[in-house]
N, C-alpha and C. Protein backbone atom coordinates (compact mmCIF):
# COMPACT_ATOMS: atom_id res chain seq x y z
N MET A 1 43.59 -102.19 -6.96
CA MET A 1 44.05 -102.02 -5.58
C MET A 1 45.57 -102.04 -5.48
N VAL A 2 46.21 -102.95 -6.24
CA VAL A 2 47.67 -103.02 -6.25
C VAL A 2 48.26 -101.71 -6.74
N SER A 3 47.63 -101.14 -7.77
CA SER A 3 48.10 -99.87 -8.32
C SER A 3 48.02 -98.75 -7.29
N LEU A 4 46.95 -98.75 -6.51
CA LEU A 4 46.79 -97.73 -5.47
C LEU A 4 47.87 -97.86 -4.40
N VAL A 5 48.15 -99.11 -4.00
CA VAL A 5 49.17 -99.35 -2.98
C VAL A 5 50.54 -98.90 -3.47
N LEU A 6 50.88 -99.27 -4.71
CA LEU A 6 52.17 -98.89 -5.28
C LEU A 6 52.29 -97.38 -5.43
N ALA A 7 51.21 -96.75 -5.85
CA ALA A 7 51.23 -95.29 -6.02
C ALA A 7 51.41 -94.58 -4.68
N ALA A 8 50.80 -95.13 -3.63
CA ALA A 8 50.93 -94.53 -2.30
C ALA A 8 52.33 -94.73 -1.73
N LEU A 9 52.93 -95.90 -1.99
CA LEU A 9 54.23 -96.22 -1.43
C LEU A 9 55.39 -95.61 -2.19
N ALA A 10 55.25 -95.45 -3.50
CA ALA A 10 56.38 -95.06 -4.35
C ALA A 10 57.08 -93.78 -3.92
N PRO A 11 56.37 -92.66 -3.74
CA PRO A 11 57.09 -91.44 -3.38
C PRO A 11 57.78 -91.51 -2.03
N ALA A 12 57.13 -92.15 -1.06
CA ALA A 12 57.74 -92.28 0.26
C ALA A 12 59.01 -93.12 0.19
N MET A 13 58.96 -94.23 -0.55
CA MET A 13 60.12 -95.09 -0.66
C MET A 13 61.26 -94.41 -1.41
N ALA A 14 60.93 -93.65 -2.44
CA ALA A 14 61.96 -92.95 -3.21
C ALA A 14 62.65 -91.89 -2.36
N LEU A 15 61.85 -91.09 -1.65
CA LEU A 15 62.42 -90.05 -0.81
C LEU A 15 63.20 -90.64 0.35
N PHE A 16 62.66 -91.70 0.94
CA PHE A 16 63.34 -92.36 2.05
C PHE A 16 64.69 -92.92 1.60
N SER A 17 64.73 -93.55 0.44
CA SER A 17 65.97 -94.12 -0.09
C SER A 17 67.01 -93.03 -0.30
N TYR A 18 66.58 -91.88 -0.80
CA TYR A 18 67.52 -90.78 -1.04
C TYR A 18 68.16 -90.32 0.26
N VAL A 19 67.35 -90.08 1.29
CA VAL A 19 67.90 -89.57 2.54
C VAL A 19 68.75 -90.63 3.22
N TYR A 20 68.33 -91.90 3.16
CA TYR A 20 69.11 -92.96 3.80
C TYR A 20 70.49 -93.06 3.16
N LEU A 21 70.56 -92.98 1.83
CA LEU A 21 71.83 -93.05 1.13
C LEU A 21 72.63 -91.76 1.30
N ARG A 22 71.92 -90.64 1.38
CA ARG A 22 72.59 -89.34 1.51
C ARG A 22 73.22 -89.18 2.88
N ASP A 23 72.66 -89.83 3.89
CA ASP A 23 73.11 -89.66 5.27
C ASP A 23 74.36 -90.49 5.51
N VAL A 24 75.51 -89.99 5.07
CA VAL A 24 76.73 -90.78 5.05
C VAL A 24 77.26 -91.10 6.44
N TYR A 25 76.92 -90.30 7.44
CA TYR A 25 77.43 -90.55 8.78
C TYR A 25 76.54 -91.50 9.58
N SER A 26 75.28 -91.60 9.21
CA SER A 26 74.33 -92.34 10.03
C SER A 26 73.69 -93.48 9.26
N LYS A 27 74.12 -94.72 9.54
CA LYS A 27 73.53 -95.91 8.92
C LYS A 27 72.82 -96.72 10.02
N ALA A 28 71.69 -96.22 10.43
CA ALA A 28 70.93 -96.89 11.49
C ALA A 28 70.43 -98.24 11.01
N LYS A 29 70.26 -99.13 11.94
CA LYS A 29 69.75 -100.45 11.59
C LYS A 29 68.34 -100.32 11.01
N MET A 30 68.11 -101.08 9.94
CA MET A 30 66.86 -100.90 9.20
C MET A 30 65.63 -101.26 10.02
N PHE A 31 65.73 -102.18 10.94
CA PHE A 31 64.53 -102.55 11.70
C PHE A 31 64.11 -101.41 12.63
N LEU A 32 65.07 -100.62 13.11
CA LEU A 32 64.73 -99.46 13.92
C LEU A 32 64.05 -98.38 13.08
N VAL A 33 64.59 -98.17 11.88
CA VAL A 33 63.99 -97.21 10.97
C VAL A 33 62.58 -97.64 10.59
N LEU A 34 62.42 -98.93 10.32
CA LEU A 34 61.10 -99.46 9.95
C LEU A 34 60.11 -99.31 11.10
N ARG A 35 60.57 -99.51 12.33
CA ARG A 35 59.68 -99.37 13.48
C ARG A 35 59.17 -97.93 13.60
N ILE A 36 60.06 -96.97 13.42
CA ILE A 36 59.65 -95.57 13.47
C ILE A 36 58.70 -95.25 12.33
N PHE A 37 58.97 -95.81 11.15
CA PHE A 37 58.10 -95.62 9.99
C PHE A 37 56.69 -96.14 10.30
N ILE A 38 56.60 -97.32 10.89
CA ILE A 38 55.30 -97.92 11.23
C ILE A 38 54.58 -97.09 12.29
N ILE A 39 55.32 -96.58 13.27
CA ILE A 39 54.72 -95.73 14.29
C ILE A 39 54.07 -94.51 13.64
N GLY A 40 54.79 -93.90 12.68
CA GLY A 40 54.22 -92.77 11.96
C GLY A 40 52.96 -93.15 11.21
N ALA A 41 52.97 -94.34 10.60
CA ALA A 41 51.80 -94.81 9.86
C ALA A 41 50.60 -95.02 10.79
N LEU A 42 50.85 -95.52 11.99
CA LEU A 42 49.77 -95.81 12.93
C LEU A 42 49.13 -94.54 13.50
N LEU A 43 49.81 -93.42 13.38
CA LEU A 43 49.25 -92.17 13.89
C LEU A 43 48.10 -91.64 13.04
N VAL A 44 48.02 -92.09 11.79
CA VAL A 44 47.08 -91.49 10.84
C VAL A 44 45.63 -91.61 11.30
N VAL A 45 45.19 -92.80 11.65
CA VAL A 45 43.77 -93.02 11.97
C VAL A 45 43.32 -92.20 13.17
N PRO A 46 44.01 -92.26 14.33
CA PRO A 46 43.54 -91.43 15.45
C PRO A 46 43.55 -89.93 15.14
N ILE A 47 44.55 -89.49 14.39
CA ILE A 47 44.61 -88.07 14.03
C ILE A 47 43.44 -87.69 13.13
N LEU A 48 43.14 -88.53 12.15
CA LEU A 48 42.02 -88.24 11.25
C LEU A 48 40.69 -88.23 11.99
N VAL A 49 40.54 -89.12 12.96
CA VAL A 49 39.31 -89.16 13.76
C VAL A 49 39.15 -87.85 14.55
N ILE A 50 40.22 -87.41 15.19
CA ILE A 50 40.18 -86.16 15.95
C ILE A 50 39.88 -84.98 15.03
N GLN A 51 40.57 -84.94 13.89
CA GLN A 51 40.36 -83.83 12.95
C GLN A 51 38.93 -83.81 12.41
N PHE A 52 38.39 -84.98 12.14
CA PHE A 52 37.01 -85.06 11.65
C PHE A 52 36.04 -84.55 12.71
N ALA A 53 36.23 -85.00 13.95
CA ALA A 53 35.33 -84.60 15.04
C ALA A 53 35.39 -83.10 15.28
N PHE A 54 36.60 -82.56 15.31
CA PHE A 54 36.75 -81.12 15.55
C PHE A 54 36.20 -80.30 14.40
N THR A 55 36.35 -80.80 13.17
CA THR A 55 35.82 -80.09 12.01
C THR A 55 34.30 -80.10 12.03
N GLU A 56 33.71 -81.25 12.35
CA GLU A 56 32.25 -81.36 12.41
C GLU A 56 31.67 -80.42 13.47
N GLU A 57 32.38 -80.28 14.57
CA GLU A 57 31.90 -79.41 15.66
C GLU A 57 32.32 -77.95 15.45
N ASN A 58 33.07 -77.71 14.39
CA ASN A 58 33.54 -76.35 14.06
C ASN A 58 34.28 -75.72 15.24
N VAL A 59 35.17 -76.50 15.84
CA VAL A 59 35.93 -76.03 17.00
C VAL A 59 36.88 -74.89 16.62
N PHE A 60 37.44 -74.97 15.42
CA PHE A 60 38.36 -73.93 14.95
C PHE A 60 37.78 -73.28 13.69
N PRO A 61 36.90 -72.29 13.85
CA PRO A 61 36.25 -71.69 12.68
C PRO A 61 37.19 -70.85 11.82
N HIS A 62 38.22 -70.26 12.44
CA HIS A 62 39.13 -69.42 11.67
C HIS A 62 40.15 -70.29 10.93
N PRO A 63 40.39 -70.02 9.65
CA PRO A 63 41.33 -70.85 8.86
C PRO A 63 42.72 -70.95 9.47
N ALA A 64 43.22 -69.87 10.06
CA ALA A 64 44.56 -69.90 10.65
C ALA A 64 44.60 -70.82 11.87
N ALA A 65 43.57 -70.75 12.72
CA ALA A 65 43.51 -71.62 13.90
C ALA A 65 43.43 -73.08 13.49
N LYS A 66 42.62 -73.34 12.47
CA LYS A 66 42.47 -74.71 11.99
C LYS A 66 43.79 -75.22 11.41
N ALA A 67 44.47 -74.38 10.62
CA ALA A 67 45.71 -74.80 9.97
C ALA A 67 46.82 -75.06 10.98
N PHE A 68 46.99 -74.14 11.92
CA PHE A 68 48.12 -74.24 12.84
C PHE A 68 47.86 -75.14 14.05
N LEU A 69 46.61 -75.23 14.50
CA LEU A 69 46.31 -76.05 15.68
C LEU A 69 45.81 -77.44 15.31
N LEU A 70 44.76 -77.51 14.50
CA LEU A 70 44.16 -78.80 14.19
C LEU A 70 45.05 -79.65 13.29
N TYR A 71 45.81 -79.00 12.42
CA TYR A 71 46.69 -79.74 11.51
C TYR A 71 48.15 -79.66 11.94
N GLY A 72 48.70 -78.47 12.04
CA GLY A 72 50.10 -78.34 12.39
C GLY A 72 50.43 -78.88 13.76
N PHE A 73 49.75 -78.37 14.79
CA PHE A 73 50.07 -78.78 16.16
C PHE A 73 49.74 -80.24 16.41
N LEU A 74 48.57 -80.69 15.98
CA LEU A 74 48.16 -82.06 16.25
C LEU A 74 49.07 -83.07 15.56
N GLU A 75 49.29 -82.90 14.27
CA GLU A 75 50.09 -83.88 13.52
C GLU A 75 51.56 -83.83 13.91
N GLU A 76 52.16 -82.65 13.88
CA GLU A 76 53.59 -82.56 14.18
C GLU A 76 53.87 -82.76 15.66
N GLY A 77 52.93 -82.36 16.51
CA GLY A 77 53.11 -82.58 17.94
C GLY A 77 53.16 -84.06 18.29
N LEU A 78 52.27 -84.85 17.68
CA LEU A 78 52.28 -86.29 17.94
C LEU A 78 53.49 -86.98 17.32
N LYS A 79 53.89 -86.54 16.14
CA LYS A 79 55.12 -87.09 15.54
C LYS A 79 56.33 -86.80 16.44
N TRP A 80 56.40 -85.57 16.92
CA TRP A 80 57.51 -85.19 17.81
C TRP A 80 57.50 -86.05 19.07
N LEU A 81 56.33 -86.27 19.64
CA LEU A 81 56.22 -87.07 20.85
C LEU A 81 56.70 -88.50 20.60
N MET A 82 56.30 -89.09 19.48
CA MET A 82 56.73 -90.45 19.15
C MET A 82 58.24 -90.51 18.93
N LEU A 83 58.78 -89.51 18.27
CA LEU A 83 60.22 -89.47 18.03
C LEU A 83 60.98 -89.29 19.33
N PHE A 84 60.45 -88.46 20.21
CA PHE A 84 61.09 -88.23 21.50
C PHE A 84 61.09 -89.50 22.34
N VAL A 85 59.97 -90.20 22.38
CA VAL A 85 59.84 -91.40 23.22
C VAL A 85 60.63 -92.57 22.65
N PHE A 86 60.46 -92.85 21.36
CA PHE A 86 61.01 -94.08 20.79
C PHE A 86 62.43 -93.95 20.25
N ALA A 87 62.88 -92.74 19.99
CA ALA A 87 64.24 -92.56 19.47
C ALA A 87 65.14 -91.83 20.47
N TYR A 88 64.67 -90.71 20.96
CA TYR A 88 65.50 -89.88 21.84
C TYR A 88 65.69 -90.54 23.21
N GLN A 89 64.61 -90.87 23.88
CA GLN A 89 64.71 -91.41 25.23
C GLN A 89 65.26 -92.83 25.27
N HIS A 90 65.06 -93.59 24.22
CA HIS A 90 65.51 -94.98 24.20
C HIS A 90 66.93 -95.14 23.67
N GLY A 91 67.64 -94.03 23.50
CA GLY A 91 69.04 -94.09 23.12
C GLY A 91 69.32 -94.58 21.73
N GLN A 92 68.38 -94.38 20.80
CA GLN A 92 68.58 -94.85 19.43
C GLN A 92 69.37 -93.86 18.57
N LEU A 93 69.62 -92.66 19.09
CA LEU A 93 70.34 -91.64 18.32
C LEU A 93 71.83 -91.79 18.58
N GLN A 94 72.47 -92.63 17.81
CA GLN A 94 73.89 -92.90 18.01
C GLN A 94 74.76 -91.77 17.50
N ARG A 95 74.26 -91.03 16.52
CA ARG A 95 74.97 -89.87 15.96
C ARG A 95 73.94 -88.80 15.65
N PRO A 96 74.35 -87.53 15.57
CA PRO A 96 73.38 -86.46 15.31
C PRO A 96 72.55 -86.67 14.06
N GLY A 97 73.15 -87.23 13.01
CA GLY A 97 72.42 -87.45 11.76
C GLY A 97 71.30 -88.46 11.87
N ASP A 98 71.35 -89.32 12.90
CA ASP A 98 70.28 -90.30 13.08
C ASP A 98 68.94 -89.63 13.35
N GLY A 99 68.97 -88.45 13.96
CA GLY A 99 67.73 -87.74 14.22
C GLY A 99 66.98 -87.43 12.94
N ILE A 100 67.71 -87.01 11.91
CA ILE A 100 67.08 -86.74 10.62
C ILE A 100 66.50 -88.00 10.03
N LEU A 101 67.24 -89.09 10.10
CA LEU A 101 66.76 -90.35 9.53
C LEU A 101 65.47 -90.81 10.20
N PHE A 102 65.42 -90.72 11.53
CA PHE A 102 64.22 -91.14 12.24
C PHE A 102 63.07 -90.15 12.06
N GLY A 103 63.38 -88.85 12.05
CA GLY A 103 62.35 -87.85 11.81
C GLY A 103 61.73 -87.99 10.44
N PHE A 104 62.58 -88.24 9.46
CA PHE A 104 62.13 -88.47 8.09
C PHE A 104 61.23 -89.70 8.03
N SER A 105 61.61 -90.74 8.76
CA SER A 105 60.87 -92.00 8.73
C SER A 105 59.48 -91.87 9.33
N VAL A 106 59.37 -91.20 10.48
CA VAL A 106 58.05 -91.06 11.11
C VAL A 106 57.13 -90.21 10.24
N SER A 107 57.69 -89.20 9.57
CA SER A 107 56.87 -88.36 8.70
C SER A 107 56.42 -89.10 7.45
N LEU A 108 57.31 -89.89 6.86
CA LEU A 108 56.94 -90.62 5.65
C LEU A 108 56.00 -91.79 5.96
N GLY A 109 56.11 -92.36 7.16
CA GLY A 109 55.14 -93.37 7.55
C GLY A 109 53.74 -92.77 7.58
N PHE A 110 53.65 -91.59 8.17
CA PHE A 110 52.36 -90.88 8.22
C PHE A 110 51.88 -90.54 6.82
N ALA A 111 52.76 -89.96 6.00
CA ALA A 111 52.37 -89.52 4.66
C ALA A 111 51.96 -90.68 3.76
N THR A 112 52.60 -91.83 3.93
CA THR A 112 52.29 -92.98 3.08
C THR A 112 50.86 -93.47 3.30
N VAL A 113 50.47 -93.63 4.57
CA VAL A 113 49.10 -94.08 4.86
C VAL A 113 48.09 -93.00 4.47
N GLU A 114 48.42 -91.75 4.74
CA GLU A 114 47.54 -90.65 4.36
C GLU A 114 47.32 -90.64 2.85
N ASN A 115 48.41 -90.86 2.09
CA ASN A 115 48.30 -90.94 0.63
C ASN A 115 47.39 -92.08 0.20
N GLY A 116 47.58 -93.24 0.83
CA GLY A 116 46.78 -94.40 0.47
C GLY A 116 45.30 -94.15 0.68
N LEU A 117 44.95 -93.57 1.83
CA LEU A 117 43.54 -93.28 2.11
C LEU A 117 42.98 -92.25 1.14
N TYR A 118 43.79 -91.26 0.82
CA TYR A 118 43.37 -90.21 -0.11
C TYR A 118 43.12 -90.80 -1.49
N MET A 119 43.99 -91.70 -1.94
CA MET A 119 43.85 -92.30 -3.27
C MET A 119 42.68 -93.27 -3.33
N ILE A 120 42.39 -93.96 -2.23
CA ILE A 120 41.21 -94.81 -2.19
C ILE A 120 39.95 -93.97 -2.39
N ALA A 121 39.97 -92.77 -1.80
CA ALA A 121 38.80 -91.89 -1.91
C ALA A 121 38.71 -91.20 -3.26
N TYR A 122 39.87 -90.82 -3.83
CA TYR A 122 39.84 -89.97 -5.03
C TYR A 122 40.47 -90.60 -6.27
N GLY A 123 41.06 -91.80 -6.12
CA GLY A 123 41.60 -92.50 -7.29
C GLY A 123 43.05 -92.16 -7.59
N LEU A 124 43.59 -92.85 -8.60
CA LEU A 124 45.00 -92.70 -8.96
C LEU A 124 45.34 -91.30 -9.46
N GLU A 125 44.36 -90.59 -9.98
CA GLU A 125 44.64 -89.24 -10.48
C GLU A 125 45.11 -88.31 -9.37
N ALA A 126 44.89 -88.72 -8.12
CA ALA A 126 45.35 -87.90 -6.99
C ALA A 126 46.81 -88.15 -6.67
N ALA A 127 47.43 -89.16 -7.30
CA ALA A 127 48.79 -89.56 -6.93
C ALA A 127 49.82 -88.45 -7.17
N ILE A 128 49.76 -87.82 -8.34
CA ILE A 128 50.79 -86.83 -8.68
C ILE A 128 50.73 -85.61 -7.77
N PRO A 129 49.56 -84.97 -7.60
CA PRO A 129 49.54 -83.82 -6.68
C PRO A 129 49.90 -84.18 -5.25
N ARG A 130 49.54 -85.39 -4.81
CA ARG A 130 49.90 -85.81 -3.46
C ARG A 130 51.41 -85.97 -3.33
N THR A 131 52.08 -86.42 -4.40
CA THR A 131 53.52 -86.61 -4.37
C THR A 131 54.24 -85.27 -4.37
N VAL A 132 53.78 -84.36 -5.21
CA VAL A 132 54.46 -83.08 -5.38
C VAL A 132 54.33 -82.20 -4.13
N LEU A 133 53.17 -82.20 -3.50
CA LEU A 133 52.96 -81.27 -2.39
C LEU A 133 52.99 -81.94 -1.00
N PRO A 134 51.94 -82.66 -0.58
CA PRO A 134 51.93 -83.13 0.81
C PRO A 134 53.07 -84.06 1.19
N THR A 135 53.43 -85.01 0.33
CA THR A 135 54.48 -85.95 0.70
C THR A 135 55.82 -85.25 0.88
N THR A 136 56.16 -84.38 -0.06
CA THR A 136 57.43 -83.66 0.07
C THR A 136 57.41 -82.72 1.27
N ALA A 137 56.27 -82.11 1.53
CA ALA A 137 56.17 -81.23 2.70
C ALA A 137 56.37 -82.01 3.99
N HIS A 138 55.72 -83.17 4.11
CA HIS A 138 55.89 -84.01 5.30
C HIS A 138 57.35 -84.42 5.47
N ALA A 139 58.02 -84.70 4.36
CA ALA A 139 59.43 -85.07 4.41
C ALA A 139 60.26 -83.96 5.04
N VAL A 140 59.99 -82.73 4.63
CA VAL A 140 60.74 -81.59 5.17
C VAL A 140 60.46 -81.39 6.66
N TYR A 141 59.20 -81.51 7.06
CA TYR A 141 58.87 -81.39 8.48
C TYR A 141 59.69 -82.40 9.30
N GLY A 142 59.77 -83.62 8.78
CA GLY A 142 60.50 -84.67 9.48
C GLY A 142 61.99 -84.39 9.55
N ILE A 143 62.55 -83.86 8.47
CA ILE A 143 63.98 -83.54 8.44
C ILE A 143 64.30 -82.45 9.46
N VAL A 144 63.49 -81.41 9.48
CA VAL A 144 63.71 -80.31 10.42
C VAL A 144 63.55 -80.80 11.86
N MET A 145 62.48 -81.55 12.12
CA MET A 145 62.24 -82.08 13.45
C MET A 145 63.39 -82.97 13.90
N GLY A 146 63.79 -83.89 13.04
CA GLY A 146 64.86 -84.82 13.38
C GLY A 146 66.20 -84.15 13.57
N TYR A 147 66.46 -83.12 12.79
CA TYR A 147 67.73 -82.39 12.91
C TYR A 147 67.87 -81.83 14.33
N TYR A 148 66.84 -81.17 14.81
CA TYR A 148 66.95 -80.52 16.12
C TYR A 148 66.91 -81.54 17.27
N ILE A 149 66.17 -82.62 17.10
CA ILE A 149 66.18 -83.66 18.14
C ILE A 149 67.55 -84.32 18.19
N GLY A 150 68.17 -84.52 17.04
CA GLY A 150 69.53 -85.06 17.01
C GLY A 150 70.53 -84.13 17.67
N GLN A 151 70.39 -82.83 17.43
CA GLN A 151 71.28 -81.86 18.07
C GLN A 151 71.07 -81.84 19.58
N ALA A 152 69.82 -81.98 20.02
CA ALA A 152 69.53 -81.96 21.46
C ALA A 152 70.24 -83.09 22.18
N LYS A 153 70.39 -84.22 21.52
CA LYS A 153 71.01 -85.39 22.13
C LYS A 153 72.50 -85.17 22.39
N TYR A 154 73.13 -84.36 21.57
CA TYR A 154 74.59 -84.22 21.65
C TYR A 154 75.06 -82.82 22.02
N LYS A 155 74.14 -81.94 22.32
CA LYS A 155 74.50 -80.60 22.79
C LYS A 155 73.73 -80.32 24.07
N GLU A 156 74.21 -80.88 25.16
CA GLU A 156 73.51 -80.85 26.43
C GLU A 156 73.23 -79.43 26.92
N ASP A 157 74.14 -78.50 26.63
CA ASP A 157 73.97 -77.13 27.12
C ASP A 157 72.73 -76.45 26.52
N HIS A 158 72.34 -76.89 25.34
CA HIS A 158 71.19 -76.27 24.66
C HIS A 158 70.10 -77.29 24.36
N LYS A 159 70.06 -78.35 25.15
CA LYS A 159 69.14 -79.46 24.90
C LYS A 159 67.68 -79.00 24.84
N LYS A 160 67.23 -78.24 25.82
CA LYS A 160 65.83 -77.81 25.86
C LYS A 160 65.48 -76.94 24.66
N MET A 161 66.40 -76.06 24.29
CA MET A 161 66.15 -75.17 23.16
C MET A 161 65.99 -75.98 21.87
N PHE A 162 66.87 -76.96 21.66
CA PHE A 162 66.80 -77.77 20.44
C PHE A 162 65.54 -78.63 20.41
N LEU A 163 65.17 -79.19 21.55
CA LEU A 163 63.94 -79.99 21.61
C LEU A 163 62.72 -79.12 21.29
N LEU A 164 62.73 -77.90 21.82
CA LEU A 164 61.62 -76.98 21.55
C LEU A 164 61.57 -76.59 20.08
N LEU A 165 62.73 -76.30 19.49
CA LEU A 165 62.77 -75.97 18.07
C LEU A 165 62.31 -77.15 17.22
N GLY A 166 62.66 -78.37 17.66
CA GLY A 166 62.25 -79.56 16.92
C GLY A 166 60.75 -79.76 16.89
N ALA A 167 60.05 -79.17 17.86
CA ALA A 167 58.59 -79.23 17.87
C ALA A 167 57.96 -78.02 17.19
N ILE A 168 58.45 -76.83 17.53
CA ILE A 168 57.80 -75.60 17.07
C ILE A 168 57.96 -75.36 15.58
N LEU A 169 59.16 -75.53 15.04
CA LEU A 169 59.38 -75.22 13.63
C LEU A 169 58.54 -76.09 12.69
N PRO A 170 58.48 -77.43 12.88
CA PRO A 170 57.60 -78.22 12.02
C PRO A 170 56.12 -77.84 12.16
N ILE A 171 55.69 -77.49 13.37
CA ILE A 171 54.31 -77.06 13.57
C ILE A 171 54.02 -75.79 12.76
N LEU A 172 54.94 -74.84 12.81
CA LEU A 172 54.76 -73.59 12.06
C LEU A 172 54.81 -73.82 10.56
N LEU A 173 55.73 -74.67 10.11
CA LEU A 173 55.83 -74.96 8.68
C LEU A 173 54.57 -75.67 8.18
N HIS A 174 54.11 -76.65 8.94
CA HIS A 174 52.91 -77.40 8.57
C HIS A 174 51.69 -76.48 8.59
N GLY A 175 51.58 -75.67 9.63
CA GLY A 175 50.46 -74.74 9.70
C GLY A 175 50.47 -73.75 8.55
N GLY A 176 51.65 -73.27 8.20
CA GLY A 176 51.76 -72.35 7.07
C GLY A 176 51.33 -72.98 5.77
N TYR A 177 51.73 -74.24 5.57
CA TYR A 177 51.34 -74.97 4.36
C TYR A 177 49.82 -75.09 4.26
N ASP A 178 49.19 -75.52 5.35
CA ASP A 178 47.73 -75.72 5.32
C ASP A 178 46.98 -74.39 5.23
N PHE A 179 47.53 -73.35 5.83
CA PHE A 179 46.89 -72.04 5.75
C PHE A 179 46.89 -71.53 4.30
N ILE A 180 48.02 -71.69 3.63
CA ILE A 180 48.10 -71.29 2.21
C ILE A 180 47.09 -72.10 1.39
N LEU A 181 47.05 -73.41 1.64
CA LEU A 181 46.18 -74.29 0.87
C LEU A 181 44.71 -73.94 1.05
N SER A 182 44.34 -73.52 2.24
CA SER A 182 42.92 -73.28 2.53
C SER A 182 42.47 -71.83 2.33
N SER A 183 43.41 -70.91 2.21
CA SER A 183 43.04 -69.49 2.26
C SER A 183 43.34 -68.69 1.00
N PHE A 184 44.10 -69.24 0.06
CA PHE A 184 44.53 -68.43 -1.08
C PHE A 184 43.71 -68.65 -2.34
N GLY A 185 42.74 -69.57 -2.29
CA GLY A 185 41.82 -69.75 -3.41
C GLY A 185 42.51 -69.98 -4.74
N HIS A 186 42.12 -69.20 -5.75
CA HIS A 186 42.67 -69.36 -7.10
C HIS A 186 44.15 -68.98 -7.18
N TYR A 187 44.65 -68.28 -6.17
CA TYR A 187 46.04 -67.82 -6.19
C TYR A 187 46.97 -68.74 -5.38
N VAL A 188 46.46 -69.91 -5.04
CA VAL A 188 47.21 -70.79 -4.14
C VAL A 188 48.59 -71.15 -4.69
N LEU A 189 48.70 -71.40 -5.99
CA LEU A 189 49.99 -71.79 -6.56
C LEU A 189 51.02 -70.67 -6.47
N PHE A 190 50.57 -69.42 -6.54
CA PHE A 190 51.50 -68.29 -6.46
C PHE A 190 52.15 -68.21 -5.08
N ALA A 191 51.46 -68.68 -4.07
CA ALA A 191 52.02 -68.71 -2.73
C ALA A 191 52.68 -70.04 -2.42
N MET A 192 52.08 -71.14 -2.92
CA MET A 192 52.56 -72.46 -2.56
C MET A 192 53.91 -72.80 -3.20
N ILE A 193 54.11 -72.41 -4.45
CA ILE A 193 55.37 -72.76 -5.12
C ILE A 193 56.58 -72.15 -4.41
N PRO A 194 56.59 -70.83 -4.13
CA PRO A 194 57.73 -70.31 -3.38
C PRO A 194 57.85 -70.89 -1.97
N PHE A 195 56.70 -71.19 -1.35
CA PHE A 195 56.74 -71.80 -0.02
C PHE A 195 57.43 -73.16 -0.07
N MET A 196 57.10 -73.98 -1.09
CA MET A 196 57.72 -75.30 -1.23
C MET A 196 59.21 -75.18 -1.54
N VAL A 197 59.58 -74.18 -2.33
CA VAL A 197 61.00 -73.96 -2.62
C VAL A 197 61.76 -73.66 -1.33
N VAL A 198 61.18 -72.81 -0.49
CA VAL A 198 61.80 -72.49 0.79
C VAL A 198 61.90 -73.74 1.66
N LEU A 199 60.86 -74.56 1.67
CA LEU A 199 60.89 -75.80 2.46
C LEU A 199 62.05 -76.69 2.05
N TRP A 200 62.22 -76.89 0.75
CA TRP A 200 63.27 -77.79 0.30
C TRP A 200 64.66 -77.20 0.48
N LEU A 201 64.81 -75.90 0.33
CA LEU A 201 66.10 -75.27 0.62
C LEU A 201 66.44 -75.44 2.10
N LEU A 202 65.43 -75.33 2.95
CA LEU A 202 65.63 -75.54 4.38
C LEU A 202 66.06 -76.98 4.65
N ALA A 203 65.41 -77.93 4.00
CA ALA A 203 65.74 -79.34 4.19
C ALA A 203 67.17 -79.63 3.74
N ILE A 204 67.55 -79.12 2.58
CA ILE A 204 68.91 -79.33 2.06
C ILE A 204 69.95 -78.74 3.00
N TRP A 205 69.65 -77.56 3.52
CA TRP A 205 70.56 -76.90 4.46
C TRP A 205 70.75 -77.75 5.72
N LYS A 206 69.65 -78.29 6.26
CA LYS A 206 69.75 -79.11 7.46
C LYS A 206 70.49 -80.42 7.19
N LEU A 207 70.27 -81.01 6.02
CA LEU A 207 70.99 -82.23 5.66
C LEU A 207 72.49 -81.97 5.57
N LYS A 208 72.86 -80.86 4.96
CA LYS A 208 74.28 -80.53 4.83
C LYS A 208 74.92 -80.25 6.18
N LYS A 209 74.19 -79.53 7.04
CA LYS A 209 74.71 -79.24 8.37
C LYS A 209 74.89 -80.52 9.18
N ALA A 210 73.90 -81.41 9.12
CA ALA A 210 73.97 -82.66 9.88
C ALA A 210 75.12 -83.53 9.40
N SER A 211 75.41 -83.50 8.10
CA SER A 211 76.47 -84.36 7.55
C SER A 211 77.85 -83.93 8.00
N ARG A 212 77.98 -82.71 8.53
CA ARG A 212 79.28 -82.22 8.98
C ARG A 212 79.57 -82.58 10.43
N PHE A 213 78.54 -83.04 11.15
CA PHE A 213 78.74 -83.35 12.57
C PHE A 213 79.28 -84.76 12.75
N THR A 214 80.22 -84.88 13.63
CA THR A 214 80.71 -86.19 14.04
C THR A 214 80.64 -86.26 15.55
N VAL A 215 80.63 -87.47 16.07
CA VAL A 215 80.52 -87.65 17.52
C VAL A 215 81.82 -88.20 18.05
């Protein structure tokens, strides 16, 4: 059991440490970051219950609808809502880069618990593929989401546009990931590898852009 817990936590903690240290302009208080992380973790169970119920009832029979609505919209929409309520509206975004830190935290909180449940079901052998694909993908969704929410806080003229982008882009990225995973069969790696490369290039670009902003 200890091995499962460590395996589930390790990738999230490693990625979180990298972004926290990389974010030279934004050193948010750790208890705020931890609170957002826990909020992300608490989203897992209700989301899984909804996804299970909708899957059992075959509400979204088409793979694209299931990928973009049941997974992309539901998961990223709720993460965005939590980030908007607990970080944006409560004045926790002291600098634009804080949005990335909080977005990253809510996504890794979700991914950590999801990893743990997956490993309980499938064992430690699931640790490596979960680290390489879903955890890193969740990290990118959070970075993109947080980047635009951070921009919305400090660019009043385009606030609505940035808030909308902070919701829509992660939903589309997440939906695209799940659609590839569910629809490409034996050729999934040929589509997934370039998709993941694009995700990480996007994340690096947003991190670099955020690091140039000062308030």
